[in-house]
């Protein structure tokens, strides 16, 4: 092996994750691990080949690839290592994104989703959850995400005959074989890959789901202009403890739920401190009549009813996206899987619907046209947060 470019001019990466992806984030942290994954993508490589290419001692290579294997991110084939998750050249990712963006704009998909939510607003308000009396534009900060998850589920169903992997739940993004998936895009150091300016979409969307015993605390907009974990986190600090992800924690969750049930006074010293933080972050609003919690709370049954309602409502939108996209996006990206079953399974289960998801365009529409209540202060807003207990 003579091409040693990645040893002195490493490729640059942009990585998307879904599911319980903390292990994948740890394994893909750092330039060295990323280059290994890329080198083992087109064909399986031995430790000796990787050591020669990266000019790195075999012991370091072996430790890394074995760690990848332990997380099902690589597998050993005849003594060599093969990367199992999808990887796309950045040019392909941009091409796919532009193709989907064009479809969403030409067919007014963001407007149709927003209009759909307003058409069922009375049915949403009739569901039994705390916050059902909130204004729809405030609830839409997380309802957009619920609608998008239902669209993604519908898209997966459209291609369900292409893989035997099945998502365990709309919010989990896991299967019986994979607790997470990742899709990496890359370009080489000597390449200058430019994306077309797609004006009517936000830069990205990121979610963080925390579990405290039987209670889930969900932040579907862990990104700018809200405080976001990406801006605050230091090396080794989990995203779950940064940004708005720590507004409600295992320590103050019970107190928040007491406020939801109507508790208005007789607070302990710790509860007074919790309340002060809640008000500071917009989790609780002080009113003339007392405290008004601002994070909606669902039981699992109530949230299931919301998903069922949403799943029925998005059927025409799913059908339109699937029929218009037809096989164009599939024909563009499927060859990048190099006929490796594990990649193909993850492509159809996790990543085809990722590209066919209008979530970035939808939030742009809501923020710039209609549909979302714009906070007076993004640093003191609970919009996009909700709880399932």
Protein backbone atom coordinates (compact mmCIF):
# COMPACT_ATOMS: atom_id res chain seq x y z
CA UNK A 1 0.00 0.00 0.00
CA UNK A 2 1.61 3.20 -1.21
CA UNK A 3 -1.02 5.92 -0.63
CA UNK A 4 -0.23 7.39 2.78
CA UNK A 5 -2.06 10.70 2.29
CA UNK A 6 -4.37 10.19 5.27
CA UNK A 7 -1.34 9.92 7.56
CA UNK A 8 -0.21 13.50 6.84
CA UNK A 9 -3.36 15.13 5.37
CA UNK A 10 -6.36 13.58 7.15
CA UNK A 11 -9.84 13.68 5.66
CA UNK A 12 -12.35 15.96 7.36
CA UNK A 13 -15.61 14.56 8.73
CA UNK A 14 -19.16 15.58 9.53
CA UNK A 15 -21.08 12.88 11.40
CA UNK A 16 -24.78 12.44 12.14
CA UNK A 17 -25.98 10.12 14.91
CA UNK A 18 -29.29 8.61 15.98
CA UNK A 19 -30.43 6.29 18.74
CA UNK A 20 -28.44 5.79 21.96
CA UNK A 21 -25.32 6.97 20.23
CA UNK A 22 -22.94 7.95 23.04
CA UNK A 23 -20.68 4.89 22.40
CA UNK A 24 -20.43 5.78 18.71
CA UNK A 25 -19.59 9.39 19.54
CA UNK A 26 -16.78 8.23 21.80
CA UNK A 27 -15.35 5.85 19.20
CA UNK A 28 -15.48 8.43 16.40
CA UNK A 29 -13.97 11.21 18.48
CA UNK A 30 -10.65 12.31 17.03
CA UNK A 31 -8.98 12.36 13.65
CA UNK A 32 -7.22 9.01 14.03
CA UNK A 33 -10.36 6.92 14.51
CA UNK A 34 -12.12 8.69 11.66
CA UNK A 35 -9.31 7.90 9.21
CA UNK A 36 -9.43 4.23 10.24
CA UNK A 37 -13.15 4.07 9.50
CA UNK A 38 -12.63 5.63 6.07
CA UNK A 39 -9.73 3.35 5.16
CA UNK A 40 -11.83 0.29 5.98
CA UNK A 41 -14.85 1.40 3.98
CA UNK A 42 -14.23 0.47 0.34
CA UNK A 43 -12.59 -2.81 1.30
CA UNK A 44 -11.54 -4.63 4.46
CA UNK A 45 -8.01 -3.85 5.66
CA UNK A 46 -5.63 -5.75 7.90
CA UNK A 47 -3.92 -4.24 10.93
CA UNK A 48 -0.64 -4.39 9.04
CA UNK A 49 -2.09 -2.48 6.07
CA UNK A 50 -3.61 0.17 8.31
CA UNK A 51 -0.39 0.50 10.29
CA UNK A 52 1.59 1.03 7.09
CA UNK A 53 -0.88 3.56 5.65
CA UNK A 54 -1.21 5.66 8.80
CA UNK A 55 2.39 5.19 9.90
CA UNK A 56 1.13 4.12 13.31
CA UNK A 57 2.21 1.19 15.52
CA UNK A 58 0.10 -1.94 15.17
CA UNK A 59 -0.90 -1.90 18.85
CA UNK A 60 -2.76 1.41 18.46
CA UNK A 61 -4.49 0.19 15.31
CA UNK A 62 -5.58 -3.10 16.88
CA UNK A 63 -6.96 -1.39 19.96
CA UNK A 64 -9.06 0.98 17.84
CA UNK A 65 -10.48 -1.55 15.37
CA UNK A 66 -11.35 -4.01 18.13
CA UNK A 67 -13.20 -1.23 19.94
CA UNK A 68 -15.10 -0.50 16.72
CA UNK A 69 -16.01 -4.19 16.44
CA UNK A 70 -17.28 -4.26 20.02
CA UNK A 71 -19.77 -1.52 19.10
CA UNK A 72 -20.81 -3.18 15.79
CA UNK A 73 -19.22 -0.32 13.87
CA UNK A 74 -16.78 -2.71 12.18
CA UNK A 75 -16.55 -6.44 11.66
CA UNK A 76 -13.63 -8.81 11.08
CA UNK A 77 -13.61 -10.52 7.69
CA UNK A 78 -10.87 -13.11 7.05
CA UNK A 79 -8.53 -11.36 9.47
CA UNK A 80 -9.30 -7.88 8.08
CA UNK A 81 -11.59 -5.11 9.30
CA UNK A 82 -14.57 -3.61 7.45
CA UNK A 83 -16.55 -0.50 8.43
CA UNK A 84 -20.26 -1.27 8.84
CA UNK A 85 -21.95 2.14 9.03
CA UNK A 86 -22.75 4.32 6.00
CA UNK A 87 -20.19 6.84 4.80
CA UNK A 88 -20.76 9.36 2.02
CA UNK A 89 -18.45 11.71 0.24
CA UNK A 90 -19.53 15.24 1.14
CA UNK A 91 -20.37 15.96 -2.50
CA UNK A 92 -22.92 13.11 -2.45
CA UNK A 93 -24.43 14.36 0.79
CA UNK A 94 -24.84 17.86 -0.61
CA UNK A 95 -26.30 16.48 -3.83
CA UNK A 96 -28.83 14.39 -1.91
CA UNK A 97 -29.73 17.30 0.36
CA UNK A 98 -30.25 19.62 -2.58
CA UNK A 99 -32.41 17.05 -4.36
CA UNK A 100 -34.70 16.66 -1.32
CA UNK A 101 -34.79 20.40 -0.67
CA UNK A 102 -36.04 20.97 -4.21
CA UNK A 103 -38.80 18.40 -3.70
CA UNK A 104 -39.91 19.95 -0.40
CA UNK A 105 -40.03 23.48 -1.84
CA UNK A 106 -41.73 22.60 -5.13
CA UNK A 107 -44.44 20.63 -3.33
CA UNK A 108 -44.77 23.05 -0.37
CA UNK A 109 -44.22 20.24 2.12
CA UNK A 110 -43.42 22.53 5.12
CA UNK A 111 -46.63 24.49 4.56
CA UNK A 112 -48.65 21.30 4.28
CA UNK A 113 -47.27 19.97 7.58
CA UNK A 114 -47.95 23.27 9.32
CA UNK A 115 -51.47 23.45 7.88
CA UNK A 116 -52.08 19.84 8.95
CA UNK A 117 -51.21 20.69 12.57
CA UNK A 118 -53.60 23.62 12.59
CA UNK A 119 -56.33 21.43 11.10
CA UNK A 120 -56.10 18.97 14.01
CA UNK A 121 -55.43 21.51 16.78
CA UNK A 122 -58.78 20.82 18.48
CA UNK A 123 -58.04 17.09 18.53
CA UNK A 124 -54.61 17.80 20.06
CA UNK A 125 -56.20 20.04 22.69
CA UNK A 126 -58.67 17.26 23.51
CA UNK A 127 -55.87 14.87 24.50
CA UNK A 128 -55.28 14.38 28.22
CA UNK A 129 -51.88 15.98 28.91
CA UNK A 130 -50.58 18.93 30.87
CA UNK A 131 -50.20 21.82 28.44
CA UNK A 132 -53.14 20.95 26.19
CA UNK A 133 -54.39 24.50 26.81
CA UNK A 134 -51.15 26.10 25.58
CA UNK A 135 -51.26 27.96 22.27
CA UNK A 136 -50.51 25.75 19.29
CA UNK A 137 -47.62 27.90 17.98
CA UNK A 138 -45.85 27.30 21.32
CA UNK A 139 -46.56 23.55 21.24
CA UNK A 140 -45.45 23.37 17.62
CA UNK A 141 -41.83 23.68 18.74
CA UNK A 142 -42.03 20.02 19.69
CA UNK A 143 -45.07 18.97 17.62
CA UNK A 144 -43.05 19.66 14.48
CA UNK A 145 -40.62 17.02 15.70
CA UNK A 146 -43.41 14.54 16.50
CA UNK A 147 -44.90 15.08 13.05
CA UNK A 148 -41.51 14.60 11.44
CA UNK A 149 -40.95 11.35 13.37
CA UNK A 150 -44.29 10.09 12.09
CA UNK A 151 -43.30 11.06 8.55
CA UNK A 152 -40.00 9.21 8.98
CA UNK A 153 -41.86 6.14 10.22
CA UNK A 154 -44.09 6.31 7.18
CA UNK A 155 -41.11 6.67 4.85
CA UNK A 156 -39.45 3.64 6.47
CA UNK A 157 -42.65 1.66 5.98
CA UNK A 158 -42.61 2.60 2.30
CA UNK A 159 -39.21 0.92 1.95
CA UNK A 160 -39.78 -1.83 4.56
CA UNK A 161 -39.32 -4.63 2.03
CA UNK A 162 -35.68 -3.57 1.52
CA UNK A 163 -34.46 -4.57 5.00
CA UNK A 164 -35.36 -6.90 7.86
CA UNK A 165 -34.45 -4.29 10.50
CA UNK A 166 -37.41 -2.86 12.41
CA UNK A 167 -37.41 0.27 14.57
CA UNK A 168 -38.47 -0.54 18.15
CA UNK A 169 -40.22 2.80 18.75
CA UNK A 170 -40.68 6.17 17.08
CA UNK A 171 -38.61 7.98 19.70
CA UNK A 172 -35.96 5.32 20.29
CA UNK A 173 -34.53 5.01 16.80
CA UNK A 174 -33.16 1.60 17.74
CA UNK A 175 -33.63 -1.90 16.36
CA UNK A 176 -33.03 -5.34 17.85
CA UNK A 177 -29.59 -5.32 16.21
CA UNK A 178 -28.56 -1.68 16.62
CA UNK A 179 -28.84 0.62 19.62
CA UNK A 180 -27.63 3.46 17.40
CA UNK A 181 -26.52 4.32 13.92
CA UNK A 182 -24.26 6.94 12.41
CA UNK A 183 -23.72 8.30 8.94
CA UNK A 184 -20.41 10.00 8.22
CA UNK A 185 -19.72 12.40 5.38
CA UNK A 186 -16.15 13.24 4.51
CA UNK A 187 -13.91 15.06 2.08
CA UNK A 188 -10.17 14.91 1.54
CA UNK A 189 -7.80 17.67 2.60
CA UNK A 190 -7.05 18.73 -0.97
CA UNK A 191 -10.73 19.04 -1.93
CA UNK A 192 -12.86 22.17 -1.79
CA UNK A 193 -16.45 20.94 -1.80
CA UNK A 194 -19.05 23.71 -1.85
CA UNK A 195 -22.72 23.32 -1.03
CA UNK A 196 -25.43 25.27 -2.79
CA UNK A 197 -26.98 27.90 -0.55
CA UNK A 198 -30.33 26.47 0.57
CA UNK A 199 -31.97 29.54 2.02
CA UNK A 200 -35.28 28.18 3.29
CA UNK A 201 -33.93 25.69 5.82
CA UNK A 202 -32.16 25.96 9.18
CA UNK A 203 -28.56 24.79 9.41
CA UNK A 204 -29.32 21.62 11.35
CA UNK A 205 -31.54 20.10 13.99
CA UNK A 206 -30.39 18.17 17.04
CA UNK A 207 -32.33 16.41 19.80
CA UNK A 208 -31.39 15.13 23.24
CA UNK A 209 -33.52 12.66 25.18
CA UNK A 210 -32.74 12.14 28.88
CA UNK A 211 -34.13 9.30 30.96
CA UNK A 212 -34.63 9.71 34.72
CA UNK A 213 -35.91 6.39 36.01
CA UNK A 214 -39.28 6.00 34.28
CA UNK A 215 -39.46 9.63 33.18
CA UNK A 216 -38.21 10.99 29.85
CA UNK A 217 -37.16 14.62 29.46
CA UNK A 218 -36.96 15.54 25.80
CA UNK A 219 -35.32 18.52 24.14
CA UNK A 220 -36.09 18.45 20.43
CA UNK A 221 -34.27 21.70 19.63
CA UNK A 222 -30.79 21.37 21.10
CA UNK A 223 -29.35 23.92 18.71
CA UNK A 224 -29.13 27.63 17.98
CA UNK A 225 -30.82 30.05 18.52
CA UNK A 226 -31.65 28.23 21.79
CA UNK A 227 -28.77 27.47 24.17
CA UNK A 228 -27.24 24.30 22.79
CA UNK A 229 -24.93 21.61 24.11
CA UNK A 230 -22.61 21.91 21.10
CA UNK A 231 -21.61 25.43 22.08
CA UNK A 232 -21.18 24.73 25.78
CA UNK A 233 -19.76 21.22 26.04
CA UNK A 234 -16.11 20.61 26.79
CA UNK A 235 -14.18 17.50 25.84
CA UNK A 236 -15.56 14.52 27.74
CA UNK A 237 -18.65 16.38 28.99
CA UNK A 238 -21.90 14.69 27.89
CA UNK A 239 -24.36 16.75 25.88
CA UNK A 240 -27.07 15.70 28.34
CA UNK A 241 -25.58 18.03 30.96
CA UNK A 242 -25.26 21.09 28.70
CA UNK A 243 -27.51 23.62 27.03
CA UNK A 244 -31.20 23.23 27.87
CA UNK A 245 -30.68 19.54 28.56
CA UNK A 246 -29.98 20.24 32.23
CA UNK A 247 -32.92 22.58 32.89
CA UNK A 248 -34.80 19.61 34.33
CA UNK A 249 -32.72 16.91 36.02
CA UNK A 250 -33.12 13.85 38.21
CA UNK A 251 -32.78 16.19 41.21
CA UNK A 252 -35.55 18.65 40.36
CA UNK A 253 -37.88 16.49 38.24
CA UNK A 254 -40.15 15.49 41.16
CA UNK A 255 -40.51 19.13 42.17
CA UNK A 256 -41.42 20.16 38.63
CA UNK A 257 -44.11 17.47 38.49
CA UNK A 258 -45.48 18.73 41.83
CA UNK A 259 -45.79 22.19 40.27
CA UNK A 260 -47.65 20.64 37.36
CA UNK A 261 -50.10 19.11 39.82
CA UNK A 262 -50.76 22.53 41.33
CA UNK A 263 -48.28 22.97 44.18
CA UNK A 264 -47.93 26.71 44.81
CA UNK A 265 -46.24 27.18 48.19
CA UNK A 266 -44.64 25.71 51.30
CA UNK A 267 -41.44 25.12 49.35
CA UNK A 268 -38.32 23.72 51.00
CA UNK A 269 -35.04 25.57 50.74
CA UNK A 270 -33.93 23.28 47.89
CA UNK A 271 -37.27 23.74 46.12
CA UNK A 272 -36.93 27.50 46.34
CA UNK A 273 -33.58 27.20 44.57
CA UNK A 274 -35.06 24.89 41.94
CA UNK A 275 -37.91 27.35 41.36
CA UNK A 276 -35.48 30.22 40.93
CA UNK A 277 -33.63 28.26 38.24
CA UNK A 278 -36.90 27.21 36.57
CA UNK A 279 -38.03 30.83 36.30
CA UNK A 280 -34.62 31.95 35.07
CA UNK A 281 -34.73 29.42 32.22
CA UNK A 282 -38.41 29.87 31.34
CA UNK A 283 -39.33 26.40 32.60
CA UNK A 284 -41.80 28.06 34.97
CA UNK A 285 -43.53 31.41 34.43
CA UNK A 286 -44.44 33.62 37.38
CA UNK A 287 -48.03 34.93 37.09
CA UNK A 288 -50.35 36.95 39.32
CA UNK A 289 -51.97 33.71 40.46
CA UNK A 290 -48.72 31.86 41.15
CA UNK A 291 -46.43 29.60 39.14
CA UNK A 292 -47.26 28.25 35.69
CA UNK A 293 -45.05 25.35 34.47
CA UNK A 294 -44.22 25.73 30.77
CA UNK A 295 -42.97 22.24 29.85
CA UNK A 296 -45.83 19.97 28.66
CA UNK A 297 -46.16 16.61 30.44
CA UNK A 298 -47.59 13.43 28.91
CA UNK A 299 -48.30 10.00 30.24
CA UNK A 300 -47.06 7.27 27.91
CA UNK A 301 -50.67 6.52 26.93
CA UNK A 302 -51.40 10.16 26.12
CA UNK A 303 -48.25 10.50 24.03
CA UNK A 304 -49.12 7.29 22.20
CA UNK A 305 -52.52 8.80 21.37
CA UNK A 306 -50.77 11.92 20.05
CA UNK A 307 -48.54 9.80 17.82
CA UNK A 308 -51.50 7.83 16.50
CA UNK A 309 -53.34 11.05 15.73
CA UNK A 310 -50.28 12.47 14.00
CA UNK A 311 -49.51 9.26 12.08
CA UNK A 312 -52.97 9.30 10.51
CA UNK A 313 -52.76 12.99 9.69
CA UNK A 314 -49.40 12.79 7.87
CA UNK A 315 -50.34 9.87 5.58
CA UNK A 316 -51.05 12.10 2.53
CA UNK A 317 -47.75 13.95 3.08
CA UNK A 318 -45.78 10.71 3.40
CA UNK A 319 -47.37 9.39 0.22
CA UNK A 320 -46.55 12.57 -1.68
CA UNK A 321 -42.90 12.63 -0.56
CA UNK A 322 -42.40 8.93 -1.33
CA UNK A 323 -44.03 9.11 -4.74
CA UNK A 324 -42.26 12.30 -5.81
CA UNK A 325 -38.87 11.15 -4.57
CA UNK A 326 -39.56 7.79 -6.23
CA UNK A 327 -36.15 6.13 -6.68
CA UNK A 328 -34.05 9.24 -7.31
CA UNK A 329 -32.54 9.56 -3.83
CA UNK A 330 -32.21 5.79 -3.57
CA UNK A 331 -30.33 5.56 -6.86
CA UNK A 332 -27.99 8.33 -5.77
CA UNK A 333 -27.06 6.98 -2.33
CA UNK A 334 -27.50 3.21 -2.40
CA UNK A 335 -24.31 2.60 -4.46
CA UNK A 336 -22.36 4.33 -1.66
CA UNK A 337 -23.20 1.37 0.61
CA UNK A 338 -20.85 -0.81 -1.53
CA UNK A 339 -23.27 -3.75 -1.32
CA UNK A 340 -22.53 -4.36 2.39
CA UNK A 341 -25.69 -5.69 4.07
CA UNK A 342 -25.15 -3.96 7.41
CA UNK A 343 -24.80 -0.58 5.69
CA UNK A 344 -27.83 -1.23 3.47
CA UNK A 345 -29.90 -2.17 6.51
CA UNK A 346 -28.91 1.03 8.31
CA UNK A 347 -29.41 3.08 5.16
CA UNK A 348 -33.04 1.98 4.77
CA UNK A 349 -33.81 1.92 8.51
CA UNK A 350 -32.19 5.18 9.61
CA UNK A 351 -30.73 7.30 6.83
CA UNK A 352 -32.99 7.28 3.78
CA UNK A 353 -35.76 8.81 5.88
CA UNK A 354 -33.14 11.21 7.30
CA UNK A 355 -32.63 12.66 3.83
CA UNK A 356 -36.35 12.56 3.05
CA UNK A 357 -37.14 14.33 6.32
CA UNK A 358 -38.35 17.94 5.85
CA UNK A 359 -37.54 18.90 9.46
CA UNK A 360 -34.98 21.61 8.65
CA UNK A 361 -37.26 23.19 6.08
CA UNK A 362 -40.24 22.88 8.43
CA UNK A 363 -38.57 24.75 11.29
CA UNK A 364 -37.37 27.46 8.87
CA UNK A 365 -40.95 27.84 7.66
CA UNK A 366 -42.30 28.03 11.20
CA UNK A 367 -39.71 30.59 12.28
CA UNK A 368 -39.87 32.78 9.16
CA UNK A 369 -43.37 32.40 7.69
CA UNK A 370 -45.93 31.08 10.18
CA UNK A 371 -46.48 28.36 12.73
CA UNK A 372 -44.07 28.98 15.62
CA UNK A 373 -44.29 31.39 18.54
CA UNK A 374 -40.95 33.20 18.56
CA UNK A 375 -39.57 33.54 22.11
CA UNK A 376 -38.80 37.01 23.41
CA UNK A 377 -35.57 35.53 24.77
CA UNK A 378 -34.30 32.19 23.46
CA UNK A 379 -32.14 31.91 26.58
CA UNK A 380 -35.23 31.91 28.79
CA UNK A 381 -37.64 29.70 26.88
CA UNK A 382 -38.88 26.14 27.36
CA UNK A 383 -40.25 25.89 23.82
CA UNK A 384 -39.42 22.51 22.33
CA UNK A 385 -39.11 20.77 25.72
CA UNK A 386 -41.56 18.12 26.95
CA UNK A 387 -41.80 15.24 29.41
CA UNK A 388 -43.18 11.72 29.15
CA UNK A 389 -43.78 9.92 32.44
